[in-house]
Amino acid sequence: MNKPMKLKITLILLLVTSLAHSQCAMCRAVVENGDSDMAKGINSGIVYLMLFPYLFLALGLFLLYRWYKKNKNM
């Protein structure tokens, strides 16, 4: 895959995940009794917490790619 295509795929994935909002069953039950501002805050918190595992995975894959590329040239 060429570099511009990888960049496009990365941007699309970032945009899709920023639009996705989800709630666990327990959070949904609490939010149904509250107002919409509280629901938006809980959704934002969930997305924020979901972000870090993906960042760590991306960092690990990037480091693995660099290691593989470095060892391939030797």
PDB file of N, CA and C in Angstrom:
ATOM      1  N   MET A   1       0.839  -1.172   0.000  1.00  0.00           N
ATOM      2  CA  MET A   1       0.000   0.000   0.000  1.00  0.00           C
ATOM      3  C   MET A   1       0.890   1.244   0.000  1.00  0.00           C
ATOM      4  N   ASN A   2       0.511   2.220  -0.791  1.00  0.00           N
ATOM      5  CA  ASN A   2       1.323   3.427  -0.846  1.00  0.00           C
ATOM      6  C   ASN A   2       0.987   4.373   0.314  1.00  0.00           C
ATOM      7  N   LYS A   3       1.846   5.354   0.507  1.00  0.00           N
ATOM      8  CA  LYS A   3       1.740   6.246   1.662  1.00  0.00           C
ATOM      9  C   LYS A   3       0.458   7.091   1.660  1.00  0.00           C
ATOM     10  N   PRO A   4       0.036   7.685   0.514  1.00  0.00           N
ATOM     11  CA  PRO A   4      -1.203   8.472   0.542  1.00  0.00           C
ATOM     12  C   PRO A   4      -2.431   7.629   0.901  1.00  0.00           C
ATOM     13  N   MET A   5      -2.441   6.374   0.462  1.00  0.00           N
ATOM     14  CA  MET A   5      -3.583   5.504   0.772  1.00  0.00           C
ATOM     15  C   MET A   5      -3.626   5.197   2.262  1.00  0.00           C
ATOM     16  N   LYS A   6      -2.464   4.949   2.871  1.00  0.00           N
ATOM     17  CA  LYS A   6      -2.408   4.696   4.308  1.00  0.00           C
ATOM     18  C   LYS A   6      -2.883   5.911   5.081  1.00  0.00           C
ATOM     19  N   LEU A   7      -2.510   7.094   4.631  1.00  0.00           N
ATOM     20  CA  LEU A   7      -2.936   8.323   5.292  1.00  0.00           C
ATOM     21  C   LEU A   7      -4.441   8.494   5.204  1.00  0.00           C
ATOM     22  N   LYS A   8      -5.025   8.213   4.054  1.00  0.00           N
ATOM     23  CA  LYS A   8      -6.478   8.312   3.884  1.00  0.00           C
ATOM     24  C   LYS A   8      -7.199   7.331   4.796  1.00  0.00           C
ATOM     25  N   ILE A   9      -6.722   6.111   4.861  1.00  0.00           N
ATOM     26  CA  ILE A   9      -7.351   5.099   5.716  1.00  0.00           C
ATOM     27  C   ILE A   9      -7.255   5.514   7.176  1.00  0.00           C
ATOM     28  N   THR A  10      -6.109   6.029   7.585  1.00  0.00           N
ATOM     29  CA  THR A  10      -5.931   6.477   8.967  1.00  0.00           C
ATOM     30  C   THR A  10      -6.878   7.611   9.300  1.00  0.00           C
ATOM     31  N   LEU A  11      -7.002   8.581   8.411  1.00  0.00           N
ATOM     32  CA  LEU A  11      -7.904   9.706   8.651  1.00  0.00           C
ATOM     33  C   LEU A  11      -9.366   9.254   8.730  1.00  0.00           C
ATOM     34  N   ILE A  12      -9.756   8.342   7.867  1.00  0.00           N
ATOM     35  CA  ILE A  12     -11.133   7.832   7.892  1.00  0.00           C
ATOM     36  C   ILE A  12     -11.409   7.115   9.202  1.00  0.00           C
ATOM     37  N   LEU A  13     -10.469   6.275   9.640  1.00  0.00           N
ATOM     38  CA  LEU A  13     -10.664   5.552  10.894  1.00  0.00           C
ATOM     39  C   LEU A  13     -10.739   6.501  12.086  1.00  0.00           C
ATOM     40  N   LEU A  14      -9.929   7.552  12.082  1.00  0.00           N
ATOM     41  CA  LEU A  14      -9.975   8.528  13.166  1.00  0.00           C
ATOM     42  C   LEU A  14     -11.298   9.276  13.180  1.00  0.00           C
ATOM     43  N   LEU A  15     -11.814   9.621  12.015  1.00  0.00           N
ATOM     44  CA  LEU A  15     -13.088  10.326  11.953  1.00  0.00           C
ATOM     45  C   LEU A  15     -14.244   9.436  12.391  1.00  0.00           C
ATOM     46  N   VAL A  16     -14.208   8.180  11.992  1.00  0.00           N
ATOM     47  CA  VAL A  16     -15.287   7.259  12.359  1.00  0.00           C
ATOM     48  C   VAL A  16     -15.304   7.037  13.872  1.00  0.00           C
ATOM     49  N   THR A  17     -14.143   6.876  14.481  1.00  0.00           N
ATOM     50  CA  THR A  17     -14.126   6.633  15.919  1.00  0.00           C
ATOM     51  C   THR A  17     -14.500   7.875  16.710  1.00  0.00           C
ATOM     52  N   SER A  18     -14.251   9.055  16.158  1.00  0.00           N
ATOM     53  CA  SER A  18     -14.625  10.259  16.895  1.00  0.00           C
ATOM     54  C   SER A  18     -16.135  10.478  16.852  1.00  0.00           C
ATOM     55  N   LEU A  19     -16.816   9.912  15.868  1.00  0.00           N
ATOM     56  CA  LEU A  19     -18.264  10.060  15.772  1.00  0.00           C
ATOM     57  C   LEU A  19     -19.011   8.975  16.541  1.00  0.00           C
ATOM     58  N   ALA A  20     -18.337   7.916  16.890  1.00  0.00           N
ATOM     59  CA  ALA A  20     -18.988   6.795  17.563  1.00  0.00           C
ATOM     60  C   ALA A  20     -19.145   7.083  19.051  1.00  0.00           C
ATOM     61  N   HIS A  21     -20.363   6.950  19.532  1.00  0.00           N
ATOM     62  CA  HIS A  21     -20.643   7.106  20.953  1.00  0.00           C
ATOM     63  C   HIS A  21     -21.385   5.852  21.412  1.00  0.00           C
ATOM     64  N   SER A  22     -20.944   5.306  22.510  1.00  0.00           N
ATOM     65  CA  SER A  22     -21.601   4.101  23.006  1.00  0.00           C
ATOM     66  C   SER A  22     -21.680   4.157  24.519  1.00  0.00           C
ATOM     67  N   GLN A  23     -22.520   3.301  25.065  1.00  0.00           N
ATOM     68  CA  GLN A  23     -22.696   3.249  26.507  1.00  0.00           C
ATOM     69  C   GLN A  23     -22.772   1.797  26.944  1.00  0.00           C
ATOM     70  N   CYS A  24     -22.219   1.523  28.100  1.00  0.00           N
ATOM     71  CA  CYS A  24     -22.397   0.201  28.664  1.00  0.00           C
ATOM     72  C   CYS A  24     -23.810   0.133  29.246  1.00  0.00           C
ATOM     73  N   ALA A  25     -24.275  -1.051  29.578  1.00  0.00           N
ATOM     74  CA  ALA A  25     -25.652  -1.220  30.061  1.00  0.00           C
ATOM     75  C   ALA A  25     -25.884  -0.470  31.370  1.00  0.00           C
ATOM     76  N   MET A  26     -24.906  -0.491  32.256  1.00  0.00           N
ATOM     77  CA  MET A  26     -25.070   0.188  33.542  1.00  0.00           C
ATOM     78  C   MET A  26     -25.125   1.703  33.350  1.00  0.00           C
ATOM     79  N   CYS A  27     -24.249   2.235  32.508  1.00  0.00           N
ATOM     80  CA  CYS A  27     -24.250   3.677  32.245  1.00  0.00           C
ATOM     81  C   CYS A  27     -25.556   4.098  31.585  1.00  0.00           C
ATOM     82  N   ARG A  28     -26.053   3.272  30.673  1.00  0.00           N
ATOM     83  CA  ARG A  28     -27.302   3.603  29.990  1.00  0.00           C
ATOM     84  C   ARG A  28     -28.451   3.712  30.983  1.00  0.00           C
ATOM     85  N   ALA A  29     -28.508   2.809  31.960  1.00  0.00           N
ATOM     86  CA  ALA A  29     -29.581   2.849  32.951  1.00  0.00           C
ATOM     87  C   ALA A  29     -29.515   4.126  33.790  1.00  0.00           C
ATOM     88  N   VAL A  30     -28.323   4.555  34.122  1.00  0.00           N
ATOM     89  CA  VAL A  30     -28.158   5.778  34.907  1.00  0.00           C
ATOM     90  C   VAL A  30     -28.529   7.000  34.078  1.00  0.00           C
ATOM     91  N   VAL A  31     -28.129   7.000  32.824  1.00  0.00           N
ATOM     92  CA  VAL A  31     -28.358   8.157  31.962  1.00  0.00           C
ATOM     93  C   VAL A  31     -29.828   8.315  31.611  1.00  0.00           C
ATOM     94  N   GLU A  32     -30.554   7.214  31.500  1.00  0.00           N
ATOM     95  CA  GLU A  32     -31.967   7.311  31.159  1.00  0.00           C
ATOM     96  C   GLU A  32     -32.744   8.111  32.199  1.00  0.00           C
ATOM     97  N   ASN A  33     -32.256   8.132  33.423  1.00  0.00           N
ATOM     98  CA  ASN A  33     -32.927   8.893  34.475  1.00  0.00           C
ATOM     99  C   ASN A  33     -32.398  10.321  34.583  1.00  0.00           C
ATOM    100  N   GLY A  34     -31.360  10.665  33.829  1.00  0.00           N
ATOM    101  CA  GLY A  34     -30.748  11.986  33.919  1.00  0.00           C
ATOM    102  C   GLY A  34     -31.088  12.843  32.713  1.00  0.00           C
ATOM    103  N   ASP A  35     -30.372  13.947  32.593  1.00  0.00           N
ATOM    104  CA  ASP A  35     -30.606  14.847  31.473  1.00  0.00           C
ATOM    105  C   ASP A  35     -29.645  14.555  30.320  1.00  0.00           C
ATOM    106  N   SER A  36     -29.856  15.225  29.190  1.00  0.00           N
ATOM    107  CA  SER A  36     -29.057  14.939  27.996  1.00  0.00           C
ATOM    108  C   SER A  36     -27.620  15.443  28.128  1.00  0.00           C
ATOM    109  N   ASP A  37     -27.386  16.496  28.908  1.00  0.00           N
ATOM    110  CA  ASP A  37     -26.016  16.973  29.103  1.00  0.00           C
ATOM    111  C   ASP A  37     -25.177  15.932  29.828  1.00  0.00           C
ATOM    112  N   MET A  38     -25.786  15.266  30.809  1.00  0.00           N
ATOM    113  CA  MET A  38     -25.069  14.220  31.524  1.00  0.00           C
ATOM    114  C   MET A  38     -24.767  13.050  30.588  1.00  0.00           C
ATOM    115  N   ALA A  39     -25.705  12.732  29.701  1.00  0.00           N
ATOM    116  CA  ALA A  39     -25.491  11.638  28.746  1.00  0.00           C
ATOM    117  C   ALA A  39     -24.344  11.955  27.807  1.00  0.00           C
ATOM    118  N   LYS A  40     -24.275  13.188  27.347  1.00  0.00           N
ATOM    119  CA  LYS A  40     -23.178  13.584  26.460  1.00  0.00           C
ATOM    120  C   LYS A  40     -21.841  13.502  27.188  1.00  0.00           C
ATOM    121  N   GLY A  41     -21.826  13.890  28.453  1.00  0.00           N
ATOM    122  CA  GLY A  41     -20.602  13.810  29.237  1.00  0.00           C
ATOM    123  C   GLY A  41     -20.141  12.383  29.442  1.00  0.00           C
ATOM    124  N   ILE A  42     -21.080  11.501  29.714  1.00  0.00           N
ATOM    125  CA  ILE A  42     -20.730  10.082  29.894  1.00  0.00           C
ATOM    126  C   ILE A  42     -20.224   9.493  28.588  1.00  0.00           C
ATOM    127  N   ASN A  43     -20.872   9.824  27.484  1.00  0.00           N
ATOM    128  CA  ASN A  43     -20.405   9.327  26.182  1.00  0.00           C
ATOM    129  C   ASN A  43     -19.003   9.826  25.877  1.00  0.00           C
ATOM    130  N   SER A  44     -18.739  11.078  26.159  1.00  0.00           N
ATOM    131  CA  SER A  44     -17.398  11.622  25.926  1.00  0.00           C
ATOM    132  C   SER A  44     -16.368  10.917  26.801  1.00  0.00           C
ATOM    133  N   GLY A  45     -16.715  10.631  28.034  1.00  0.00           N
ATOM    134  CA  GLY A  45     -15.808   9.917  28.928  1.00  0.00           C
ATOM    135  C   GLY A  45     -15.499   8.516  28.441  1.00  0.00           C
ATOM    136  N   ILE A  46     -16.500   7.839  27.934  1.00  0.00           N
ATOM    137  CA  ILE A  46     -16.305   6.486  27.421  1.00  0.00           C
ATOM    138  C   ILE A  46     -15.381   6.504  26.211  1.00  0.00           C
ATOM    139  N   VAL A  47     -15.603   7.449  25.309  1.00  0.00           N
ATOM    140  CA  VAL A  47     -14.750   7.554  24.124  1.00  0.00           C
ATOM    141  C   VAL A  47     -13.324   7.899  24.546  1.00  0.00           C
ATOM    142  N   TYR A  48     -13.170   8.772  25.517  1.00  0.00           N
ATOM    143  CA  TYR A  48     -11.847   9.149  26.017  1.00  0.00           C
ATOM    144  C   TYR A  48     -11.125   7.929  26.592  1.00  0.00           C
ATOM    145  N   LEU A  49     -11.824   7.132  27.378  1.00  0.00           N
ATOM    146  CA  LEU A  49     -11.203   5.936  27.958  1.00  0.00           C
ATOM    147  C   LEU A  49     -10.895   4.886  26.897  1.00  0.00           C
ATOM    148  N   MET A  50     -11.684   4.847  25.848  1.00  0.00           N
ATOM    149  CA  MET A  50     -11.487   3.875  24.777  1.00  0.00           C
ATOM    150  C   MET A  50     -10.275   4.243  23.919  1.00  0.00           C
ATOM    151  N   LEU A  51      -9.892   5.503  23.920  1.00  0.00           N
ATOM    152  CA  LEU A  51      -8.830   5.987  23.058  1.00  0.00           C
ATOM    153  C   LEU A  51      -7.462   5.411  23.410  1.00  0.00           C
ATOM    154  N   PHE A  52      -7.151   5.296  24.688  1.00  0.00           N
ATOM    155  CA  PHE A  52      -5.801   4.911  25.101  1.00  0.00           C
ATOM    156  C   PHE A  52      -5.396   3.494  24.705  1.00  0.00           C
ATOM    157  N   PRO A  53      -6.245   2.490  24.810  1.00  0.00           N
ATOM    158  CA  PRO A  53      -5.806   1.163  24.328  1.00  0.00           C
ATOM    159  C   PRO A  53      -5.458   1.172  22.841  1.00  0.00           C
ATOM    160  N   TYR A  54      -6.220   1.925  22.051  1.00  0.00           N
ATOM    161  CA  TYR A  54      -5.923   1.996  20.623  1.00  0.00           C
ATOM    162  C   TYR A  54      -4.627   2.758  20.361  1.00  0.00           C
ATOM    163  N   LEU A  55      -4.359   3.783  21.136  1.00  0.00           N
ATOM    164  CA  LEU A  55      -3.093   4.505  20.982  1.00  0.00           C
ATOM    165  C   LEU A  55      -1.907   3.613  21.327  1.00  0.00           C
ATOM    166  N   PHE A  56      -2.018   2.841  22.403  1.00  0.00           N
ATOM    167  CA  PHE A  56      -0.937   1.925  22.774  1.00  0.00           C
ATOM    168  C   PHE A  56      -0.741   0.843  21.709  1.00  0.00           C
ATOM    169  N   LEU A  57      -1.830   0.343  21.162  1.00  0.00           N
ATOM    170  CA  LEU A  57      -1.738  -0.654  20.098  1.00  0.00           C
ATOM    171  C   LEU A  57      -1.062  -0.056  18.865  1.00  0.00           C
ATOM    172  N   ALA A  58      -1.453   1.154  18.491  1.00  0.00           N
ATOM    173  CA  ALA A  58      -0.857   1.810  17.330  1.00  0.00           C
ATOM    174  C   ALA A  58       0.630   2.062  17.564  1.00  0.00           C
ATOM    175  N   LEU A  59       0.999   2.502  18.748  1.00  0.00           N
ATOM    176  CA  LEU A  59       2.402   2.741  19.060  1.00  0.00           C
ATOM    177  C   LEU A  59       3.201   1.441  18.980  1.00  0.00           C
ATOM    178  N   GLY A  60       2.654   0.363  19.537  1.00  0.00           N
ATOM    179  CA  GLY A  60       3.323  -0.930  19.473  1.00  0.00           C
ATOM    180  C   GLY A  60       3.504  -1.415  18.050  1.00  0.00           C
ATOM    181  N   LEU A  61       2.480  -1.266  17.223  1.00  0.00           N
ATOM    182  CA  LEU A  61       2.595  -1.683  15.828  1.00  0.00           C
ATOM    183  C   LEU A  61       3.596  -0.820  15.067  1.00  0.00           C
ATOM    184  N   PHE A  62       3.621   0.472  15.382  1.00  0.00           N
ATOM    185  CA  PHE A  62       4.591   1.365  14.732  1.00  0.00           C
ATOM    186  C   PHE A  62       6.014   0.969  15.104  1.00  0.00           C
ATOM    187  N   LEU A  63       6.253   0.707  16.395  1.00  0.00           N
ATOM    188  CA  LEU A  63       7.589   0.299  16.825  1.00  0.00           C
ATOM    189  C   LEU A  63       7.983  -1.046  16.227  1.00  0.00           C
ATOM    190  N   LEU A  64       7.043  -1.961  16.126  1.00  0.00           N
ATOM    191  CA  LEU A  64       7.302  -3.258  15.502  1.00  0.00           C
ATOM    192  C   LEU A  64       7.639  -3.083  14.022  1.00  0.00           C
ATOM    193  N   TYR A  65       6.921  -2.193  13.361  1.00  0.00           N
ATOM    194  CA  TYR A  65       7.193  -1.913  11.945  1.00  0.00           C
ATOM    195  C   TYR A  65       8.590  -1.335  11.761  1.00  0.00           C
ATOM    196  N   ARG A  66       8.966  -0.377  12.611  1.00  0.00           N
ATOM    197  CA  ARG A  66      10.309   0.217  12.515  1.00  0.00           C
ATOM    198  C   ARG A  66      11.386  -0.818  12.774  1.00  0.00           C
ATOM    199  N   TRP A  67      11.162  -1.692  13.772  1.00  0.00           N
ATOM    200  CA  TRP A  67      12.135  -2.748  14.075  1.00  0.00           C
ATOM    201  C   TRP A  67      12.270  -3.706  12.897  1.00  0.00           C
ATOM    202  N   TYR A  68      11.131  -4.077  12.302  1.00  0.00           N
ATOM    203  CA  TYR A  68      11.157  -4.987  11.164  1.00  0.00           C
ATOM    204  C   TYR A  68      11.863  -4.354   9.972  1.00  0.00           C
ATOM    205  N   LYS A  69      11.575  -3.083   9.718  1.00  0.00           N
ATOM    206  CA  LYS A  69      12.186  -2.378   8.585  1.00  0.00           C
ATOM    207  C   LYS A  69      13.704  -2.241   8.798  1.00  0.00           C
ATOM    208  N   LYS A  70      14.118  -1.945  10.027  1.00  0.00           N
ATOM    209  CA  LYS A  70      15.546  -1.803  10.346  1.00  0.00           C
ATOM    210  C   LYS A  70      16.275  -3.125  10.162  1.00  0.00           C
ATOM    211  N   ASN A  71      15.701  -4.224  10.631  1.00  0.00           N
ATOM    212  CA  ASN A  71      16.342  -5.531  10.528  1.00  0.00           C
ATOM    213  C   ASN A  71      16.304  -6.091   9.107  1.00  0.00           C
ATOM    214  N   LYS A  72      15.349  -5.673   8.313  1.00  0.00           N
ATOM    215  CA  LYS A  72      15.264  -6.134   6.944  1.00  0.00           C
ATOM    216  C   LYS A  72      16.401  -5.557   6.100  1.00  0.00           C
ATOM    217  N   ASN A  73      16.822  -4.339   6.403  1.00  0.00           N
ATOM    218  CA  ASN A  73      17.892  -3.677   5.640  1.00  0.00           C
ATOM    219  C   ASN A  73      19.280  -4.215   6.000  1.00  0.00           C
ATOM    220  N   MET A  74      19.432  -4.942   7.073  1.00  0.00           N
ATOM    221  CA  MET A  74      20.747  -5.437   7.502  1.00  0.00           C
ATOM    222  C   MET A  74      21.192  -6.611   6.661  1.00  0.00           C
TER     223      MET A  74
END
